[in-house]
Amino acid sequence: EGKQKVLDEIDHLKKVERPKVSKEIEEARAHGDLSENAEYHAARE
């Protein structure tokens, strides 16, 4: 059961969280200057 739980979390991180964060980074980049863009830095973190 523990292995399946870890595999499910890996799947979630790859298929849900990774694309979501990529979209957040893309949207933050659209706001302009990255050096002072808090949304961009938060998304990268």
ModelCIF file with pLDDT and N, C-alpha, C, O atoms, coordinates in Angstrom:
data_MODEL
#
_entry.id   MODEL 
#
_entity.id                         1 
_entity.type                       polymer 
_entity.pdbx_number_of_molecules   1 
#
_entity_poly.entity_id                      1 
_entity_poly.type                           'polypeptide(L)' 
_entity_poly.nstd_linkage                   no 
_entity_poly.nstd_monomer                   no 
_entity_poly.pdbx_seq_one_letter_code       EGKQKVLDEIDHLKKVERPKVSKEIEEARAHGDLSENAEYHAARE 
_entity_poly.pdbx_seq_one_letter_code_can   EGKQKVLDEIDHLKKVERPKVSKEIEEARAHGDLSENAEYHAARE 
_entity_poly.pdbx_strand_id                 A 
#
loop_
_entity_poly_seq.entity_id 
_entity_poly_seq.num 
_entity_poly_seq.mon_id 
_entity_poly_seq.hetero 
1 1  GLU n 
1 2  GLY n 
1 3  LYS n 
1 4  GLN n 
1 5  LYS n 
1 6  VAL n 
1 7  LEU n 
1 8  ASP n 
1 9  GLU n 
1 10 ILE n 
1 11 ASP n 
1 12 HIS n 
1 13 LEU n 
1 14 LYS n 
1 15 LYS n 
1 16 VAL n 
1 17 GLU n 
1 18 ARG n 
1 19 PRO n 
1 20 LYS n 
1 21 VAL n 
1 22 SER n 
1 23 LYS n 
1 24 GLU n 
1 25 ILE n 
1 26 GLU n 
1 27 GLU n 
1 28 ALA n 
1 29 ARG n 
1 30 ALA n 
1 31 HIS n 
1 32 GLY n 
1 33 ASP n 
1 34 LEU n 
1 35 SER n 
1 36 GLU n 
1 37 ASN n 
1 38 ALA n 
1 39 GLU n 
1 40 TYR n 
1 41 HIS n 
1 42 ALA n 
1 43 ALA n 
1 44 ARG n 
1 45 GLU n 
#
_struct_asym.id          A 
_struct_asym.entity_id   1 
#
loop_
_ma_qa_metric.id 
_ma_qa_metric.mode 
_ma_qa_metric.name 
_ma_qa_metric.software_group_id 
_ma_qa_metric.type 
1 global pLDDT . pLDDT 
2 local  pLDDT . pLDDT 
#
_ma_qa_metric_global.metric_id      1 
_ma_qa_metric_global.metric_value   91.58 
_ma_qa_metric_global.model_id       1 
_ma_qa_metric_global.ordinal_id     1 
#
loop_
_ma_qa_metric_local.label_asym_id 
_ma_qa_metric_local.label_comp_id 
_ma_qa_metric_local.label_seq_id 
_ma_qa_metric_local.metric_id 
_ma_qa_metric_local.metric_value 
_ma_qa_metric_local.model_id 
_ma_qa_metric_local.ordinal_id 
A GLU 1  2 92.00 1 1  
A GLY 2  2 93.00 1 2  
A LYS 3  2 95.00 1 3  
A GLN 4  2 96.00 1 4  
A LYS 5  2 94.00 1 5  
A VAL 6  2 96.00 1 6  
A LEU 7  2 97.00 1 7  
A ASP 8  2 97.00 1 8  
A GLU 9  2 97.00 1 9  
A ILE 10 2 98.00 1 10 
A ASP 11 2 98.00 1 11 
A HIS 12 2 98.00 1 12 
A LEU 13 2 98.00 1 13 
A LYS 14 2 97.00 1 14 
A LYS 15 2 97.00 1 15 
A VAL 16 2 97.00 1 16 
A GLU 17 2 97.00 1 17 
A ARG 18 2 97.00 1 18 
A PRO 19 2 97.00 1 19 
A LYS 20 2 97.00 1 20 
A VAL 21 2 96.00 1 21 
A SER 22 2 95.00 1 22 
A LYS 23 2 95.00 1 23 
A GLU 24 2 93.00 1 24 
A ILE 25 2 92.00 1 25 
A GLU 26 2 92.00 1 26 
A GLU 27 2 90.00 1 27 
A ALA 28 2 88.00 1 28 
A ARG 29 2 87.00 1 29 
A ALA 30 2 87.00 1 30 
A HIS 31 2 81.00 1 31 
A GLY 32 2 77.00 1 32 
A ASP 33 2 76.00 1 33 
A LEU 34 2 76.00 1 34 
A SER 35 2 76.00 1 35 
A GLU 36 2 78.00 1 36 
A ASN 37 2 83.00 1 37 
A ALA 38 2 88.00 1 38 
A GLU 39 2 89.00 1 39 
A TYR 40 2 90.00 1 40 
A HIS 41 2 91.00 1 41 
A ALA 42 2 92.00 1 42 
A ALA 43 2 93.00 1 43 
A ARG 44 2 93.00 1 44 
A GLU 45 2 95.00 1 45 
#
loop_
_atom_site.group_PDB 
_atom_site.id 
_atom_site.type_symbol 
_atom_site.label_atom_id 
_atom_site.label_alt_id 
_atom_site.label_comp_id 
_atom_site.label_asym_id 
_atom_site.label_entity_id 
_atom_site.label_seq_id 
_atom_site.pdbx_PDB_ins_code 
_atom_site.Cartn_x 
_atom_site.Cartn_y 
_atom_site.Cartn_z 
_atom_site.occupancy 
_atom_site.B_iso_or_equiv 
_atom_site.pdbx_formal_charge 
_atom_site.auth_seq_id 
_atom_site.auth_comp_id 
_atom_site.auth_asym_id 
_atom_site.auth_atom_id 
_atom_site.pdbx_PDB_model_num 
ATOM 1   N N  . GLU A 1 1  ? 0.829  -1.211 0.000   1.00 92.00 ? 1  GLU A N  1 
ATOM 2   C CA . GLU A 1 1  ? 0.000  0.000  0.000   1.00 92.00 ? 1  GLU A CA 1 
ATOM 3   C C  . GLU A 1 1  ? 0.858  1.253  0.000   1.00 92.00 ? 1  GLU A C  1 
ATOM 4   O O  . GLU A 1 1  ? 0.532  2.236  -0.666  1.00 92.00 ? 1  GLU A O  1 
ATOM 5   N N  . GLY A 1 2  ? 1.951  1.220  0.745   1.00 93.00 ? 2  GLY A N  1 
ATOM 6   C CA . GLY A 1 2  ? 2.852  2.367  0.817   1.00 93.00 ? 2  GLY A CA 1 
ATOM 7   C C  . GLY A 1 2  ? 3.490  2.677  -0.520  1.00 93.00 ? 2  GLY A C  1 
ATOM 8   O O  . GLY A 1 2  ? 3.613  3.841  -0.900  1.00 93.00 ? 2  GLY A O  1 
ATOM 9   N N  . LYS A 1 3  ? 3.899  1.636  -1.236  1.00 95.00 ? 3  LYS A N  1 
ATOM 10  C CA . LYS A 1 3  ? 4.494  1.845  -2.560  1.00 95.00 ? 3  LYS A CA 1 
ATOM 11  C C  . LYS A 1 3  ? 3.468  2.470  -3.493  1.00 95.00 ? 3  LYS A C  1 
ATOM 12  O O  . LYS A 1 3  ? 3.788  3.388  -4.248  1.00 95.00 ? 3  LYS A O  1 
ATOM 13  N N  . GLN A 1 4  ? 2.237  1.977  -3.445  1.00 96.00 ? 4  GLN A N  1 
ATOM 14  C CA . GLN A 1 4  ? 1.201  2.528  -4.317  1.00 96.00 ? 4  GLN A CA 1 
ATOM 15  C C  . GLN A 1 4  ? 0.926  3.987  -3.978  1.00 96.00 ? 4  GLN A C  1 
ATOM 16  O O  . GLN A 1 4  ? 0.703  4.802  -4.873  1.00 96.00 ? 4  GLN A O  1 
ATOM 17  N N  . LYS A 1 5  ? 0.942  4.315  -2.706  1.00 94.00 ? 5  LYS A N  1 
ATOM 18  C CA . LYS A 1 5  ? 0.718  5.702  -2.277  1.00 94.00 ? 5  LYS A CA 1 
ATOM 19  C C  . LYS A 1 5  ? 1.809  6.618  -2.836  1.00 94.00 ? 5  LYS A C  1 
ATOM 20  O O  . LYS A 1 5  ? 1.520  7.721  -3.299  1.00 94.00 ? 5  LYS A O  1 
ATOM 21  N N  . VAL A 1 6  ? 3.064  6.157  -2.791  1.00 96.00 ? 6  VAL A N  1 
ATOM 22  C CA . VAL A 1 6  ? 4.182  6.947  -3.323  1.00 96.00 ? 6  VAL A CA 1 
ATOM 23  C C  . VAL A 1 6  ? 4.054  7.079  -4.837  1.00 96.00 ? 6  VAL A C  1 
ATOM 24  O O  . VAL A 1 6  ? 4.264  8.162  -5.382  1.00 96.00 ? 6  VAL A O  1 
ATOM 25  N N  . LEU A 1 7  ? 3.710  5.985  -5.525  1.00 97.00 ? 7  LEU A N  1 
ATOM 26  C CA . LEU A 1 7  ? 3.531  6.036  -6.978  1.00 97.00 ? 7  LEU A CA 1 
ATOM 27  C C  . LEU A 1 7  ? 2.401  6.992  -7.362  1.00 97.00 ? 7  LEU A C  1 
ATOM 28  O O  . LEU A 1 7  ? 2.506  7.709  -8.357  1.00 97.00 ? 7  LEU A O  1 
ATOM 29  N N  . ASP A 1 8  ? 1.326  7.004  -6.579  1.00 97.00 ? 8  ASP A N  1 
ATOM 30  C CA . ASP A 1 8  ? 0.214  7.920  -6.837  1.00 97.00 ? 8  ASP A CA 1 
ATOM 31  C C  . ASP A 1 8  ? 0.652  9.375  -6.662  1.00 97.00 ? 8  ASP A C  1 
ATOM 32  O O  . ASP A 1 8  ? 0.257  10.244 -7.438  1.00 97.00 ? 8  ASP A O  1 
ATOM 33  N N  . GLU A 1 9  ? 1.476  9.638  -5.632  1.00 97.00 ? 9  GLU A N  1 
ATOM 34  C CA . GLU A 1 9  ? 1.958  10.999 -5.421  1.00 97.00 ? 9  GLU A CA 1 
ATOM 35  C C  . GLU A 1 9  ? 2.884  11.431 -6.555  1.00 97.00 ? 9  GLU A C  1 
ATOM 36  O O  . GLU A 1 9  ? 2.806  12.570 -7.016  1.00 97.00 ? 9  GLU A O  1 
ATOM 37  N N  . ILE A 1 10 ? 3.755  10.536 -7.007  1.00 98.00 ? 10 ILE A N  1 
ATOM 38  C CA . ILE A 1 10 ? 4.637  10.846 -8.140  1.00 98.00 ? 10 ILE A CA 1 
ATOM 39  C C  . ILE A 1 10 ? 3.799  11.187 -9.367  1.00 98.00 ? 10 ILE A C  1 
ATOM 40  O O  . ILE A 1 10 ? 4.071  12.169 -10.058 1.00 98.00 ? 10 ILE A O  1 
ATOM 41  N N  . ASP A 1 11 ? 2.787  10.380 -9.632  1.00 98.00 ? 11 ASP A N  1 
ATOM 42  C CA . ASP A 1 11 ? 1.899  10.605 -10.770 1.00 98.00 ? 11 ASP A CA 1 
ATOM 43  C C  . ASP A 1 11 ? 1.216  11.965 -10.666 1.00 98.00 ? 11 ASP A C  1 
ATOM 44  O O  . ASP A 1 11 ? 1.132  12.694 -11.655 1.00 98.00 ? 11 ASP A O  1 
ATOM 45  N N  . HIS A 1 12 ? 0.731  12.307 -9.480  1.00 98.00 ? 12 HIS A N  1 
ATOM 46  C CA . HIS A 1 12 ? 0.067  13.597 -9.255  1.00 98.00 ? 12 HIS A CA 1 
ATOM 47  C C  . HIS A 1 12 ? 1.041  14.757 -9.479  1.00 98.00 ? 12 HIS A C  1 
ATOM 48  O O  . HIS A 1 12 ? 0.695  15.746 -10.125 1.00 98.00 ? 12 HIS A O  1 
ATOM 49  N N  . LEU A 1 13 ? 2.252  14.632 -8.946  1.00 98.00 ? 13 LEU A N  1 
ATOM 50  C CA . LEU A 1 13 ? 3.234  15.712 -9.104  1.00 98.00 ? 13 LEU A CA 1 
ATOM 51  C C  . LEU A 1 13 ? 3.592  15.925 -10.570 1.00 98.00 ? 13 LEU A C  1 
ATOM 52  O O  . LEU A 1 13 ? 3.763  17.061 -11.011 1.00 98.00 ? 13 LEU A O  1 
ATOM 53  N N  . LYS A 1 14 ? 3.707  14.837 -11.323 1.00 97.00 ? 14 LYS A N  1 
ATOM 54  C CA . LYS A 1 14 ? 4.084  14.945 -12.735 1.00 97.00 ? 14 LYS A CA 1 
ATOM 55  C C  . LYS A 1 14 ? 2.932  15.427 -13.618 1.00 97.00 ? 14 LYS A C  1 
ATOM 56  O O  . LYS A 1 14 ? 3.126  16.271 -14.493 1.00 97.00 ? 14 LYS A O  1 
ATOM 57  N N  . LYS A 1 15 ? 1.735  14.889 -13.386 1.00 97.00 ? 15 LYS A N  1 
ATOM 58  C CA . LYS A 1 15 ? 0.616  15.154 -14.296 1.00 97.00 ? 15 LYS A CA 1 
ATOM 59  C C  . LYS A 1 15 ? -0.255 16.349 -13.902 1.00 97.00 ? 15 LYS A C  1 
ATOM 60  O O  . LYS A 1 15 ? -0.938 16.926 -14.748 1.00 97.00 ? 15 LYS A O  1 
ATOM 61  N N  . VAL A 1 16 ? -0.232 16.717 -12.628 1.00 97.00 ? 16 VAL A N  1 
ATOM 62  C CA . VAL A 1 16 ? -1.088 17.816 -12.179 1.00 97.00 ? 16 VAL A CA 1 
ATOM 63  C C  . VAL A 1 16 ? -0.251 19.025 -11.752 1.00 97.00 ? 16 VAL A C  1 
ATOM 64  O O  . VAL A 1 16 ? -0.412 20.121 -12.288 1.00 97.00 ? 16 VAL A O  1 
ATOM 65  N N  . GLU A 1 17 ? 0.631  18.816 -10.794 1.00 97.00 ? 17 GLU A N  1 
ATOM 66  C CA . GLU A 1 17 ? 1.391  19.940 -10.249 1.00 97.00 ? 17 GLU A CA 1 
ATOM 67  C C  . GLU A 1 17 ? 2.393  20.538 -11.235 1.00 97.00 ? 17 GLU A C  1 
ATOM 68  O O  . GLU A 1 17 ? 2.492  21.760 -11.350 1.00 97.00 ? 17 GLU A O  1 
ATOM 69  N N  . ARG A 1 18 ? 3.133  19.692 -11.944 1.00 97.00 ? 18 ARG A N  1 
ATOM 70  C CA . ARG A 1 18 ? 4.154  20.196 -12.880 1.00 97.00 ? 18 ARG A CA 1 
ATOM 71  C C  . ARG A 1 18 ? 3.519  21.088 -13.955 1.00 97.00 ? 18 ARG A C  1 
ATOM 72  O O  . ARG A 1 18 ? 4.004  22.199 -14.168 1.00 97.00 ? 18 ARG A O  1 
ATOM 73  N N  . PRO A 1 19 ? 2.453  20.648 -14.643 1.00 97.00 ? 19 PRO A N  1 
ATOM 74  C CA . PRO A 1 19 ? 1.833  21.531 -15.645 1.00 97.00 ? 19 PRO A CA 1 
ATOM 75  C C  . PRO A 1 19 ? 1.242  22.802 -15.026 1.00 97.00 ? 19 PRO A C  1 
ATOM 76  O O  . PRO A 1 19 ? 1.302  23.876 -15.624 1.00 97.00 ? 19 PRO A O  1 
ATOM 77  N N  . LYS A 1 20 ? 0.675  22.670 -13.828 1.00 97.00 ? 20 LYS A N  1 
ATOM 78  C CA . LYS A 1 20 ? 0.090  23.830 -13.142 1.00 97.00 ? 20 LYS A CA 1 
ATOM 79  C C  . LYS A 1 20 ? 1.161  24.876 -12.847 1.00 97.00 ? 20 LYS A C  1 
ATOM 80  O O  . LYS A 1 20 ? 0.946  26.067 -13.071 1.00 97.00 ? 20 LYS A O  1 
ATOM 81  N N  . VAL A 1 21 ? 2.308  24.435 -12.348 1.00 96.00 ? 21 VAL A N  1 
ATOM 82  C CA . VAL A 1 21 ? 3.391  25.358 -12.026 1.00 96.00 ? 21 VAL A CA 1 
ATOM 83  C C  . VAL A 1 21 ? 3.968  25.965 -13.303 1.00 96.00 ? 21 VAL A C  1 
ATOM 84  O O  . VAL A 1 21 ? 4.299  27.151 -13.330 1.00 96.00 ? 21 VAL A O  1 
ATOM 85  N N  . SER A 1 22 ? 4.090  25.171 -14.350 1.00 95.00 ? 22 SER A N  1 
ATOM 86  C CA . SER A 1 22 ? 4.588  25.699 -15.634 1.00 95.00 ? 22 SER A CA 1 
ATOM 87  C C  . SER A 1 22 ? 3.685  26.812 -16.147 1.00 95.00 ? 22 SER A C  1 
ATOM 88  O O  . SER A 1 22 ? 4.160  27.824 -16.663 1.00 95.00 ? 22 SER A O  1 
ATOM 89  N N  . LYS A 1 23 ? 2.389  26.616 -16.000 1.00 95.00 ? 23 LYS A N  1 
ATOM 90  C CA . LYS A 1 23 ? 1.435  27.643 -16.435 1.00 95.00 ? 23 LYS A CA 1 
ATOM 91  C C  . LYS A 1 23 ? 1.578  28.908 -15.583 1.00 95.00 ? 23 LYS A C  1 
ATOM 92  O O  . LYS A 1 23 ? 1.508  30.021 -16.103 1.00 95.00 ? 23 LYS A O  1 
ATOM 93  N N  . GLU A 1 24 ? 1.781  28.732 -14.266 1.00 93.00 ? 24 GLU A N  1 
ATOM 94  C CA . GLU A 1 24 ? 1.974  29.885 -13.383 1.00 93.00 ? 24 GLU A CA 1 
ATOM 95  C C  . GLU A 1 24 ? 3.221  30.668 -13.780 1.00 93.00 ? 24 GLU A C  1 
ATOM 96  O O  . GLU A 1 24 ? 3.211  31.899 -13.763 1.00 93.00 ? 24 GLU A O  1 
ATOM 97  N N  . ILE A 1 25 ? 4.293  29.967 -14.138 1.00 92.00 ? 25 ILE A N  1 
ATOM 98  C CA . ILE A 1 25 ? 5.532  30.627 -14.558 1.00 92.00 ? 25 ILE A CA 1 
ATOM 99  C C  . ILE A 1 25 ? 5.297  31.390 -15.862 1.00 92.00 ? 25 ILE A C  1 
ATOM 100 O O  . ILE A 1 25 ? 5.733  32.531 -16.018 1.00 92.00 ? 25 ILE A O  1 
ATOM 101 N N  . GLU A 1 26 ? 4.608  30.743 -16.783 1.00 92.00 ? 26 GLU A N  1 
ATOM 102 C CA . GLU A 1 26 ? 4.311  31.380 -18.075 1.00 92.00 ? 26 GLU A CA 1 
ATOM 103 C C  . GLU A 1 26 ? 3.488  32.652 -17.884 1.00 92.00 ? 26 GLU A C  1 
ATOM 104 O O  . GLU A 1 26 ? 3.776  33.677 -18.501 1.00 92.00 ? 26 GLU A O  1 
ATOM 105 N N  . GLU A 1 27 ? 2.464  32.588 -17.030 1.00 90.00 ? 27 GLU A N  1 
ATOM 106 C CA . GLU A 1 27 ? 1.634  33.768 -16.768 1.00 90.00 ? 27 GLU A CA 1 
ATOM 107 C C  . GLU A 1 27 ? 2.430  34.873 -16.089 1.00 90.00 ? 27 GLU A C  1 
ATOM 108 O O  . GLU A 1 27 ? 2.245  36.050 -16.399 1.00 90.00 ? 27 GLU A O  1 
ATOM 109 N N  . ALA A 1 28 ? 3.308  34.506 -15.172 1.00 88.00 ? 28 ALA A N  1 
ATOM 110 C CA . ALA A 1 28 ? 4.112  35.507 -14.470 1.00 88.00 ? 28 ALA A CA 1 
ATOM 111 C C  . ALA A 1 28 ? 5.109  36.173 -15.421 1.00 88.00 ? 28 ALA A C  1 
ATOM 112 O O  . ALA A 1 28 ? 5.381  37.368 -15.302 1.00 88.00 ? 28 ALA A O  1 
ATOM 113 N N  . ARG A 1 29 ? 5.652  35.397 -16.366 1.00 87.00 ? 29 ARG A N  1 
ATOM 114 C CA . ARG A 1 29 ? 6.587  35.969 -17.356 1.00 87.00 ? 29 ARG A CA 1 
ATOM 115 C C  . ARG A 1 29 ? 5.899  37.031 -18.206 1.00 87.00 ? 29 ARG A C  1 
ATOM 116 O O  . ARG A 1 29 ? 6.521  38.009 -18.620 1.00 87.00 ? 29 ARG A O  1 
ATOM 117 N N  . ALA A 1 30 ? 4.624  36.830 -18.458 1.00 87.00 ? 30 ALA A N  1 
ATOM 118 C CA . ALA A 1 30 ? 3.867  37.769 -19.293 1.00 87.00 ? 30 ALA A CA 1 
ATOM 119 C C  . ALA A 1 30 ? 3.716  39.136 -18.635 1.00 87.00 ? 30 ALA A C  1 
ATOM 120 O O  . ALA A 1 30 ? 3.382  40.113 -19.305 1.00 87.00 ? 30 ALA A O  1 
ATOM 121 N N  . HIS A 1 31 ? 3.958  39.213 -17.342 1.00 81.00 ? 31 HIS A N  1 
ATOM 122 C CA . HIS A 1 31 ? 3.818  40.489 -16.625 1.00 81.00 ? 31 HIS A CA 1 
ATOM 123 C C  . HIS A 1 31 ? 5.023  41.400 -16.799 1.00 81.00 ? 31 HIS A C  1 
ATOM 124 O O  . HIS A 1 31 ? 5.024  42.530 -16.312 1.00 81.00 ? 31 HIS A O  1 
ATOM 125 N N  . GLY A 1 32 ? 6.047  40.918 -17.488 1.00 77.00 ? 32 GLY A N  1 
ATOM 126 C CA . GLY A 1 32 ? 7.182  41.804 -17.779 1.00 77.00 ? 32 GLY A CA 1 
ATOM 127 C C  . GLY A 1 32 ? 8.425  41.496 -16.984 1.00 77.00 ? 32 GLY A C  1 
ATOM 128 O O  . GLY A 1 32 ? 8.766  40.334 -16.762 1.00 77.00 ? 32 GLY A O  1 
ATOM 129 N N  . ASP A 1 33 ? 9.106  42.551 -16.552 1.00 76.00 ? 33 ASP A N  1 
ATOM 130 C CA . ASP A 1 33 ? 10.420 42.486 -15.881 1.00 76.00 ? 33 ASP A CA 1 
ATOM 131 C C  . ASP A 1 33 ? 10.479 41.385 -14.821 1.00 76.00 ? 33 ASP A C  1 
ATOM 132 O O  . ASP A 1 33 ? 9.784  41.447 -13.807 1.00 76.00 ? 33 ASP A O  1 
ATOM 133 N N  . LEU A 1 34 ? 11.320 40.377 -15.071 1.00 76.00 ? 34 LEU A N  1 
ATOM 134 C CA . LEU A 1 34 ? 11.408 39.227 -14.167 1.00 76.00 ? 34 LEU A CA 1 
ATOM 135 C C  . LEU A 1 34 ? 12.182 39.528 -12.894 1.00 76.00 ? 34 LEU A C  1 
ATOM 136 O O  . LEU A 1 34 ? 11.980 38.862 -11.878 1.00 76.00 ? 34 LEU A O  1 
ATOM 137 N N  . SER A 1 35 ? 13.062 40.517 -12.933 1.00 76.00 ? 35 SER A N  1 
ATOM 138 C CA . SER A 1 35 ? 13.896 40.794 -11.754 1.00 76.00 ? 35 SER A CA 1 
ATOM 139 C C  . SER A 1 35 ? 13.079 41.295 -10.565 1.00 76.00 ? 35 SER A C  1 
ATOM 140 O O  . SER A 1 35 ? 13.469 41.093 -9.415  1.00 76.00 ? 35 SER A O  1 
ATOM 141 N N  . GLU A 1 36 ? 11.945 41.950 -10.839 1.00 78.00 ? 36 GLU A N  1 
ATOM 142 C CA . GLU A 1 36 ? 11.118 42.467 -9.742  1.00 78.00 ? 36 GLU A CA 1 
ATOM 143 C C  . GLU A 1 36 ? 9.725  41.833 -9.745  1.00 78.00 ? 36 GLU A C  1 
ATOM 144 O O  . GLU A 1 36 ? 8.770  42.413 -9.229  1.00 78.00 ? 36 GLU A O  1 
ATOM 145 N N  . ASN A 1 37 ? 9.619  40.653 -10.323 1.00 83.00 ? 37 ASN A N  1 
ATOM 146 C CA . ASN A 1 37 ? 8.330  39.991 -10.466 1.00 83.00 ? 37 ASN A CA 1 
ATOM 147 C C  . ASN A 1 37 ? 8.183  38.925 -9.377  1.00 83.00 ? 37 ASN A C  1 
ATOM 148 O O  . ASN A 1 37 ? 8.703  37.817 -9.511  1.00 83.00 ? 37 ASN A O  1 
ATOM 149 N N  . ALA A 1 38 ? 7.480  39.262 -8.311  1.00 88.00 ? 38 ALA A N  1 
ATOM 150 C CA . ALA A 1 38 ? 7.314  38.363 -7.171  1.00 88.00 ? 38 ALA A CA 1 
ATOM 151 C C  . ALA A 1 38 ? 6.550  37.088 -7.553  1.00 88.00 ? 38 ALA A C  1 
ATOM 152 O O  . ALA A 1 38 ? 6.847  36.007 -7.045  1.00 88.00 ? 38 ALA A O  1 
ATOM 153 N N  . GLU A 1 39 ? 5.572  37.222 -8.444  1.00 89.00 ? 39 GLU A N  1 
ATOM 154 C CA . GLU A 1 39 ? 4.806  36.046 -8.877  1.00 89.00 ? 39 GLU A CA 1 
ATOM 155 C C  . GLU A 1 39 ? 5.708  35.049 -9.590  1.00 89.00 ? 39 GLU A C  1 
ATOM 156 O O  . GLU A 1 39 ? 5.588  33.839 -9.398  1.00 89.00 ? 39 GLU A O  1 
ATOM 157 N N  . TYR A 1 40 ? 6.617  35.574 -10.420 1.00 90.00 ? 40 TYR A N  1 
ATOM 158 C CA . TYR A 1 40 ? 7.539  34.708 -11.148 1.00 90.00 ? 40 TYR A CA 1 
ATOM 159 C C  . TYR A 1 40 ? 8.463  33.978 -10.175 1.00 90.00 ? 40 TYR A C  1 
ATOM 160 O O  . TYR A 1 40 ? 8.659  32.768 -10.292 1.00 90.00 ? 40 TYR A O  1 
ATOM 161 N N  . HIS A 1 41 ? 9.024  34.702 -9.229  1.00 91.00 ? 41 HIS A N  1 
ATOM 162 C CA . HIS A 1 41 ? 9.944  34.079 -8.261  1.00 91.00 ? 41 HIS A CA 1 
ATOM 163 C C  . HIS A 1 41 ? 9.223  33.054 -7.384  1.00 91.00 ? 41 HIS A C  1 
ATOM 164 O O  . HIS A 1 41 ? 9.791  32.011 -7.059  1.00 91.00 ? 41 HIS A O  1 
ATOM 165 N N  . ALA A 1 42 ? 7.987  33.340 -7.004  1.00 92.00 ? 42 ALA A N  1 
ATOM 166 C CA . ALA A 1 42 ? 7.212  32.393 -6.196  1.00 92.00 ? 42 ALA A CA 1 
ATOM 167 C C  . ALA A 1 42 ? 6.917  31.125 -7.002  1.00 92.00 ? 42 ALA A C  1 
ATOM 168 O O  . ALA A 1 42 ? 7.001  30.016 -6.476  1.00 92.00 ? 42 ALA A O  1 
ATOM 169 N N  . ALA A 1 43 ? 6.573  31.297 -8.273  1.00 93.00 ? 43 ALA A N  1 
ATOM 170 C CA . ALA A 1 43 ? 6.280  30.140 -9.120  1.00 93.00 ? 43 ALA A CA 1 
ATOM 171 C C  . ALA A 1 43 ? 7.538  29.306 -9.350  1.00 93.00 ? 43 ALA A C  1 
ATOM 172 O O  . ALA A 1 43 ? 7.465  28.078 -9.367  1.00 93.00 ? 43 ALA A O  1 
ATOM 173 N N  . ARG A 1 44 ? 8.687  29.951 -9.527  1.00 93.00 ? 44 ARG A N  1 
ATOM 174 C CA . ARG A 1 44 ? 9.946  29.222 -9.706  1.00 93.00 ? 44 ARG A CA 1 
ATOM 175 C C  . ARG A 1 44 ? 10.311 28.464 -8.425  1.00 93.00 ? 44 ARG A C  1 
ATOM 176 O O  . ARG A 1 44 ? 10.807 27.339 -8.482  1.00 93.00 ? 44 ARG A O  1 
ATOM 177 N N  . GLU A 1 45 ? 10.063 29.085 -7.282  1.00 95.00 ? 45 GLU A N  1 
ATOM 178 C CA . GLU A 1 45 ? 10.315 28.423 -5.997  1.00 95.00 ? 45 GLU A CA 1 
ATOM 179 C C  . GLU A 1 45 ? 9.422  27.190 -5.861  1.00 95.00 ? 45 GLU A C  1 
ATOM 180 O O  . GLU A 1 45 ? 9.481  26.492 -4.848  1.00 95.00 ? 45 GLU A O  1 
#
